Amino acid sequence: SPGELKQLLLSDYRDQIIDNAIRQVLGYALGRRILPVDRPAIEKIKHSIRDNDYRMTDLIEAVALSFPFRHKETP
């Protein structure tokens, strides 16, 4: 059932889902693929949104305040 699937995803795959969401939002905000140099920023974003139960608004704010976003180069 959908409820069981949700519980399974939250219990067994929570970290992978959170990492993927961070990578997708950061990649979209940067307008490029995520590079290995972005790993520290991803970890910092992950730690900053953990306290607020991983809300999407906090994720967007953390990405906007991240070093790669604030220092991105435009062509």
Protein backbone atom coordinates (compact mmCIF):
# COMPACT_ATOMS: atom_id res chain seq x y z
CA SER A 1 0.00 0.00 0.00
CA PRO A 2 1.14 3.62 -0.38
CA GLY A 3 1.42 4.04 3.38
CA GLU A 4 3.66 1.01 3.70
CA LEU A 5 5.81 2.22 0.81
CA LYS A 6 6.20 5.61 2.48
CA GLN A 7 7.25 4.01 5.77
CA LEU A 8 9.71 1.73 3.99
CA LEU A 9 11.26 4.61 2.10
CA LEU A 10 11.54 6.75 5.23
CA SER A 11 13.02 4.00 7.34
CA ASP A 12 15.39 2.29 4.91
CA TYR A 13 16.23 4.89 2.27
CA ARG A 14 15.94 8.23 4.08
CA ASP A 15 19.61 9.22 3.73
CA GLN A 16 19.73 8.36 0.04
CA ILE A 17 16.54 10.31 -0.65
CA ILE A 18 17.83 13.35 1.24
CA ASP A 19 21.19 13.24 -0.54
CA ASN A 20 19.47 12.98 -3.91
CA ALA A 21 17.13 15.90 -3.15
CA ILE A 22 20.07 18.08 -2.10
CA ARG A 23 22.04 17.17 -5.22
CA GLN A 24 19.06 17.83 -7.50
CA VAL A 25 18.21 21.23 -5.99
CA LEU A 26 21.85 22.34 -5.84
CA GLY A 27 22.51 21.19 -9.40
CA TYR A 28 19.44 23.05 -10.64
CA ALA A 29 20.44 26.19 -8.75
CA LEU A 30 23.98 26.07 -10.13
CA GLY A 31 22.87 25.25 -13.65
CA ARG A 32 25.41 22.45 -13.91
CA ARG A 33 26.20 18.94 -12.77
CA ILE A 34 27.36 18.37 -9.22
CA LEU A 35 31.13 18.00 -9.04
CA PRO A 36 33.33 16.37 -6.39
CA VAL A 37 34.34 19.85 -5.26
CA ASP A 38 30.71 20.39 -4.17
CA ARG A 39 30.81 17.61 -1.54
CA PRO A 40 31.63 19.90 1.42
CA ALA A 41 28.74 22.17 0.51
CA ILE A 42 26.38 19.19 0.24
CA GLU A 43 27.39 17.98 3.69
CA LYS A 44 26.97 21.47 5.15
CA ILE A 45 23.51 21.78 3.59
CA LYS A 46 22.58 18.35 4.92
CA HIS A 47 23.60 19.30 8.46
CA SER A 48 21.82 22.65 8.31
CA ILE A 49 18.46 21.20 7.22
CA ARG A 50 18.57 18.25 9.64
CA ASP A 51 17.51 20.41 12.60
CA ASN A 52 14.29 21.45 10.86
CA ASP A 53 13.20 17.94 9.85
CA TYR A 54 14.44 18.31 6.25
CA ARG A 55 11.82 20.81 5.11
CA MET A 56 12.01 21.86 1.46
CA THR A 57 11.95 25.57 2.29
CA ASP A 58 15.01 25.10 4.50
CA LEU A 59 16.72 23.14 1.73
CA ILE A 60 16.15 25.96 -0.77
CA GLU A 61 17.39 28.54 1.71
CA ALA A 62 20.50 26.48 2.52
CA VAL A 63 21.28 26.08 -1.20
CA ALA A 64 20.87 29.82 -1.76
CA LEU A 65 23.28 30.51 1.09
CA SER A 66 25.79 27.86 0.04
CA PHE A 67 29.29 28.73 -1.15
CA PRO A 68 28.93 27.21 -4.63
CA PHE A 69 25.71 29.15 -5.29
CA ARG A 70 26.98 32.46 -3.95
CA HIS A 71 30.24 32.17 -5.90
CA LYS A 72 29.06 30.61 -9.14
CA GLU A 73 30.50 31.91 -12.34
CA THR A 74 28.17 32.99 -15.10
CA PRO A 75 29.33 32.63 -18.71
